[in-house]
Amino acid sequence: MYIPRSILILLVIIYLLFLVSVDWINEADGAWYRPFLVGLLVVVWASWTHRERDSDEL
């Protein structure tokens, strides 16, 4: 089974961010937008890795 590089990188980033930032995101004194920043970083990274693909590869 072939897994595209962009999907594989996205899964690794999500896993690492989850492990590292669970306590940081759920702090009671933290800003309300922290989970959205993490989600935005994941989306930006995935779109950046996906842009390298040619339209013929889709």
PDB file of N, CA and C in Angstrom:
ATOM      1  N   MET A   1       0.839  -1.173   0.000  1.00  0.00           N
ATOM      2  CA  MET A   1       0.000   0.000   0.000  1.00  0.00           C
ATOM      3  C   MET A   1       0.882   1.233   0.000  1.00  0.00           C
ATOM      4  N   TYR A   2       0.611   2.146  -0.913  1.00  0.00           N
ATOM      5  CA  TYR A   2       1.387   3.365  -1.044  1.00  0.00           C
ATOM      6  C   TYR A   2       0.772   4.486  -0.219  1.00  0.00           C
ATOM      7  N   ILE A   3       1.574   5.094   0.632  1.00  0.00           N
ATOM      8  CA  ILE A   3       1.126   6.240   1.423  1.00  0.00           C
ATOM      9  C   ILE A   3       1.873   7.465   0.910  1.00  0.00           C
ATOM     10  N   PRO A   4       1.148   8.475   0.429  1.00  0.00           N
ATOM     11  CA  PRO A   4       1.821   9.679  -0.066  1.00  0.00           C
ATOM     12  C   PRO A   4       2.664  10.333   1.025  1.00  0.00           C
ATOM     13  N   ARG A   5       3.728  10.947   0.597  1.00  0.00           N
ATOM     14  CA  ARG A   5       4.660  11.570   1.539  1.00  0.00           C
ATOM     15  C   ARG A   5       3.973  12.646   2.371  1.00  0.00           C
ATOM     16  N   SER A   6       3.111  13.434   1.767  1.00  0.00           N
ATOM     17  CA  SER A   6       2.448  14.511   2.509  1.00  0.00           C
ATOM     18  C   SER A   6       1.557  13.956   3.624  1.00  0.00           C
ATOM     19  N   ILE A   7       0.876  12.854   3.364  1.00  0.00           N
ATOM     20  CA  ILE A   7       0.026  12.245   4.383  1.00  0.00           C
ATOM     21  C   ILE A   7       0.874  11.652   5.507  1.00  0.00           C
ATOM     22  N   LEU A   8       1.963  11.012   5.151  1.00  0.00           N
ATOM     23  CA  LEU A   8       2.840  10.428   6.150  1.00  0.00           C
ATOM     24  C   LEU A   8       3.447  11.499   7.054  1.00  0.00           C
ATOM     25  N   ILE A   9       3.895  12.588   6.468  1.00  0.00           N
ATOM     26  CA  ILE A   9       4.456  13.690   7.263  1.00  0.00           C
ATOM     27  C   ILE A   9       3.381  14.305   8.146  1.00  0.00           C
ATOM     28  N   LEU A  10       2.187  14.453   7.621  1.00  0.00           N
ATOM     29  CA  LEU A  10       1.085  15.004   8.403  1.00  0.00           C
ATOM     30  C   LEU A  10       0.776  14.120   9.611  1.00  0.00           C
ATOM     31  N   LEU A  11       0.746  12.822   9.425  1.00  0.00           N
ATOM     32  CA  LEU A  11       0.474  11.919  10.538  1.00  0.00           C
ATOM     33  C   LEU A  11       1.566  11.965  11.603  1.00  0.00           C
ATOM     34  N   VAL A  12       2.804  12.051  11.175  1.00  0.00           N
ATOM     35  CA  VAL A  12       3.912  12.144  12.133  1.00  0.00           C
ATOM     36  C   VAL A  12       3.833  13.446  12.913  1.00  0.00           C
ATOM     37  N   ILE A  13       3.542  14.538  12.237  1.00  0.00           N
ATOM     38  CA  ILE A  13       3.435  15.832  12.924  1.00  0.00           C
ATOM     39  C   ILE A  13       2.280  15.835  13.910  1.00  0.00           C
ATOM     40  N   ILE A  14       1.149  15.303  13.517  1.00  0.00           N
ATOM     41  CA  ILE A  14       0.004  15.248  14.425  1.00  0.00           C
ATOM     42  C   ILE A  14       0.345  14.432  15.664  1.00  0.00           C
ATOM     43  N   TYR A  15       0.999  13.300  15.462  1.00  0.00           N
ATOM     44  CA  TYR A  15       1.373  12.451  16.590  1.00  0.00           C
ATOM     45  C   TYR A  15       2.336  13.167  17.528  1.00  0.00           C
ATOM     46  N   LEU A  16       3.369  13.794  16.978  1.00  0.00           N
ATOM     47  CA  LEU A  16       4.343  14.499  17.810  1.00  0.00           C
ATOM     48  C   LEU A  16       3.733  15.698  18.513  1.00  0.00           C
ATOM     49  N   LEU A  17       2.904  16.454  17.814  1.00  0.00           N
ATOM     50  CA  LEU A  17       2.250  17.597  18.449  1.00  0.00           C
ATOM     51  C   LEU A  17       1.318  17.159  19.565  1.00  0.00           C
ATOM     52  N   PHE A  18       0.647  16.060  19.367  1.00  0.00           N
ATOM     53  CA  PHE A  18      -0.247  15.560  20.402  1.00  0.00           C
ATOM     54  C   PHE A  18       0.525  15.195  21.663  1.00  0.00           C
ATOM     55  N   LEU A  19       1.623  14.488  21.482  1.00  0.00           N
ATOM     56  CA  LEU A  19       2.408  14.070  22.642  1.00  0.00           C
ATOM     57  C   LEU A  19       3.020  15.249  23.389  1.00  0.00           C
ATOM     58  N   VAL A  20       3.502  16.222  22.655  1.00  0.00           N
ATOM     59  CA  VAL A  20       4.232  17.333  23.258  1.00  0.00           C
ATOM     60  C   VAL A  20       3.302  18.392  23.850  1.00  0.00           C
ATOM     61  N   SER A  21       2.160  18.607  23.224  1.00  0.00           N
ATOM     62  CA  SER A  21       1.391  19.794  23.571  1.00  0.00           C
ATOM     63  C   SER A  21       0.046  19.546  24.247  1.00  0.00           C
ATOM     64  N   VAL A  22      -0.242  18.363  24.700  1.00  0.00           N
ATOM     65  CA  VAL A  22      -1.534  18.107  25.335  1.00  0.00           C
ATOM     66  C   VAL A  22      -1.700  18.962  26.592  1.00  0.00           C
ATOM     67  N   ASP A  23      -0.702  18.987  27.446  1.00  0.00           N
ATOM     68  CA  ASP A  23      -0.795  19.797  28.664  1.00  0.00           C
ATOM     69  C   ASP A  23      -0.808  21.287  28.342  1.00  0.00           C
ATOM     70  N   TRP A  24      -0.025  21.696  27.360  1.00  0.00           N
ATOM     71  CA  TRP A  24       0.042  23.110  26.991  1.00  0.00           C
ATOM     72  C   TRP A  24      -1.296  23.605  26.451  1.00  0.00           C
ATOM     73  N   ILE A  25      -1.959  22.781  25.663  1.00  0.00           N
ATOM     74  CA  ILE A  25      -3.245  23.183  25.080  1.00  0.00           C
ATOM     75  C   ILE A  25      -4.334  23.249  26.143  1.00  0.00           C
ATOM     76  N   ASN A  26      -4.322  22.331  27.091  1.00  0.00           N
ATOM     77  CA  ASN A  26      -5.403  22.212  28.068  1.00  0.00           C
ATOM     78  C   ASN A  26      -5.193  23.002  29.355  1.00  0.00           C
ATOM     79  N   GLU A  27      -4.208  23.855  29.401  1.00  0.00           N
ATOM     80  CA  GLU A  27      -4.005  24.673  30.600  1.00  0.00           C
ATOM     81  C   GLU A  27      -5.207  25.583  30.830  1.00  0.00           C
ATOM     82  N   ALA A  28      -5.618  25.684  32.064  1.00  0.00           N
ATOM     83  CA  ALA A  28      -6.777  26.522  32.388  1.00  0.00           C
ATOM     84  C   ALA A  28      -6.460  28.006  32.225  1.00  0.00           C
ATOM     85  N   ASP A  29      -5.224  28.390  32.463  1.00  0.00           N
ATOM     86  CA  ASP A  29      -4.852  29.795  32.359  1.00  0.00           C
ATOM     87  C   ASP A  29      -4.413  30.190  30.957  1.00  0.00           C
ATOM     88  N   GLY A  30      -4.441  29.271  30.024  1.00  0.00           N
ATOM     89  CA  GLY A  30      -3.958  29.532  28.668  1.00  0.00           C
ATOM     90  C   GLY A  30      -4.962  30.318  27.834  1.00  0.00           C
ATOM     91  N   ALA A  31      -4.489  30.779  26.709  1.00  0.00           N
ATOM     92  CA  ALA A  31      -5.341  31.535  25.788  1.00  0.00           C
ATOM     93  C   ALA A  31      -6.326  30.592  25.100  1.00  0.00           C
ATOM     94  N   TRP A  32      -7.471  31.133  24.713  1.00  0.00           N
ATOM     95  CA  TRP A  32      -8.524  30.323  24.117  1.00  0.00           C
ATOM     96  C   TRP A  32      -8.150  29.825  22.728  1.00  0.00           C
ATOM     97  N   TYR A  33      -7.216  30.481  22.070  1.00  0.00           N
ATOM     98  CA  TYR A  33      -6.893  30.157  20.678  1.00  0.00           C
ATOM     99  C   TYR A  33      -5.743  29.154  20.533  1.00  0.00           C
ATOM    100  N   ARG A  34      -5.215  28.635  21.610  1.00  0.00           N
ATOM    101  CA  ARG A  34      -4.098  27.691  21.518  1.00  0.00           C
ATOM    102  C   ARG A  34      -4.411  26.455  20.674  1.00  0.00           C
ATOM    103  N   PRO A  35      -5.536  25.781  20.870  1.00  0.00           N
ATOM    104  CA  PRO A  35      -5.810  24.609  20.014  1.00  0.00           C
ATOM    105  C   PRO A  35      -5.917  24.975  18.535  1.00  0.00           C
ATOM    106  N   PHE A  36      -6.416  26.179  18.256  1.00  0.00           N
ATOM    107  CA  PHE A  36      -6.547  26.601  16.870  1.00  0.00           C
ATOM    108  C   PHE A  36      -5.187  26.894  16.241  1.00  0.00           C
ATOM    109  N   LEU A  37      -4.239  27.369  17.017  1.00  0.00           N
ATOM    110  CA  LEU A  37      -2.892  27.581  16.500  1.00  0.00           C
ATOM    111  C   LEU A  37      -2.246  26.261  16.105  1.00  0.00           C
ATOM    112  N   VAL A  38      -2.428  25.264  16.924  1.00  0.00           N
ATOM    113  CA  VAL A  38      -1.869  23.948  16.616  1.00  0.00           C
ATOM    114  C   VAL A  38      -2.514  23.397  15.345  1.00  0.00           C
ATOM    115  N   GLY A  39      -3.815  23.514  15.232  1.00  0.00           N
ATOM    116  CA  GLY A  39      -4.503  23.052  14.024  1.00  0.00           C
ATOM    117  C   GLY A  39      -4.067  23.813  12.794  1.00  0.00           C
ATOM    118  N   LEU A  40      -3.870  25.114  12.925  1.00  0.00           N
ATOM    119  CA  LEU A  40      -3.407  25.920  11.806  1.00  0.00           C
ATOM    120  C   LEU A  40      -2.009  25.498  11.361  1.00  0.00           C
ATOM    121  N   LEU A  41      -1.139  25.214  12.307  1.00  0.00           N
ATOM    122  CA  LEU A  41       0.208  24.753  11.963  1.00  0.00           C
ATOM    123  C   LEU A  41       0.172  23.429  11.203  1.00  0.00           C
ATOM    124  N   VAL A  42      -0.703  22.535  11.612  1.00  0.00           N
ATOM    125  CA  VAL A  42      -0.822  21.247  10.924  1.00  0.00           C
ATOM    126  C   VAL A  42      -1.330  21.441   9.497  1.00  0.00           C
ATOM    127  N   VAL A  43      -2.318  22.296   9.314  1.00  0.00           N
ATOM    128  CA  VAL A  43      -2.871  22.551   7.982  1.00  0.00           C
ATOM    129  C   VAL A  43      -1.839  23.214   7.081  1.00  0.00           C
ATOM    130  N   VAL A  44      -1.105  24.182   7.613  1.00  0.00           N
ATOM    131  CA  VAL A  44      -0.081  24.873   6.823  1.00  0.00           C
ATOM    132  C   VAL A  44       1.021  23.900   6.418  1.00  0.00           C
ATOM    133  N   TRP A  45       1.453  23.071   7.342  1.00  0.00           N
ATOM    134  CA  TRP A  45       2.503  22.102   7.026  1.00  0.00           C
ATOM    135  C   TRP A  45       2.036  21.102   5.970  1.00  0.00           C
ATOM    136  N   ALA A  46       0.815  20.622   6.077  1.00  0.00           N
ATOM    137  CA  ALA A  46       0.296  19.659   5.108  1.00  0.00           C
ATOM    138  C   ALA A  46       0.162  20.300   3.733  1.00  0.00           C
ATOM    139  N   SER A  47      -0.307  21.520   3.664  1.00  0.00           N
ATOM    140  CA  SER A  47      -0.434  22.181   2.368  1.00  0.00           C
ATOM    141  C   SER A  47       0.933  22.473   1.766  1.00  0.00           C
ATOM    142  N   TRP A  48       1.913  22.766   2.605  1.00  0.00           N
ATOM    143  CA  TRP A  48       3.262  23.017   2.105  1.00  0.00           C
ATOM    144  C   TRP A  48       3.878  21.751   1.520  1.00  0.00           C
ATOM    145  N   THR A  49       3.684  20.632   2.167  1.00  0.00           N
ATOM    146  CA  THR A  49       4.229  19.383   1.641  1.00  0.00           C
ATOM    147  C   THR A  49       3.452  18.902   0.423  1.00  0.00           C
ATOM    148  N   HIS A  50       2.188  19.253   0.336  1.00  0.00           N
ATOM    149  CA  HIS A  50       1.366  18.810  -0.789  1.00  0.00           C
ATOM    150  C   HIS A  50       1.630  19.640  -2.042  1.00  0.00           C
ATOM    151  N   ARG A  51       2.122  20.841  -1.923  1.00  0.00           N
ATOM    152  CA  ARG A  51       2.322  21.724  -3.059  1.00  0.00           C
ATOM    153  C   ARG A  51       3.427  21.238  -3.979  1.00  0.00           C
ATOM    154  N   GLU A  52       4.309  20.385  -3.500  1.00  0.00           N
ATOM    155  CA  GLU A  52       5.427  19.898  -4.290  1.00  0.00           C
ATOM    156  C   GLU A  52       5.007  18.845  -5.312  1.00  0.00           C
ATOM    157  N   ARG A  53       3.825  18.372  -5.236  1.00  0.00           N
ATOM    158  CA  ARG A  53       3.358  17.328  -6.147  1.00  0.00           C
ATOM    159  C   ARG A  53       2.899  17.947  -7.455  1.00  0.00           C
ATOM    160  N   ASP A  54       3.190  17.283  -8.547  1.00  0.00           N
ATOM    161  CA  ASP A  54       2.703  17.709  -9.850  1.00  0.00           C
ATOM    162  C   ASP A  54       1.228  17.351  -9.988  1.00  0.00           C
ATOM    163  N   SER A  55       0.551  18.036 -10.907  1.00  0.00           N
ATOM    164  CA  SER A  55      -0.867  17.733 -11.096  1.00  0.00           C
ATOM    165  C   SER A  55      -1.048  16.356 -11.728  1.00  0.00           C
ATOM    166  N   ASP A  56      -0.010  15.819 -12.387  1.00  0.00           N
ATOM    167  CA  ASP A  56      -0.104  14.486 -12.979  1.00  0.00           C
ATOM    168  C   ASP A  56      -0.094  13.396 -11.919  1.00  0.00           C
ATOM    169  N   GLU A  57       0.416  13.690 -10.736  1.00  0.00           N
ATOM    170  CA  GLU A  57       0.511  12.686  -9.685  1.00  0.00           C
ATOM    171  C   GLU A  57      -0.775  12.539  -8.892  1.00  0.00           C
ATOM    172  N   LEU A  58      -1.700  13.453  -9.038  1.00  0.00           N
ATOM    173  CA  LEU A  58      -2.925  13.405  -8.259  1.00  0.00           C
ATOM    174  C   LEU A  58      -3.862  12.334  -8.722  1.00  0.00           C
TER     175      LEU A  58
END
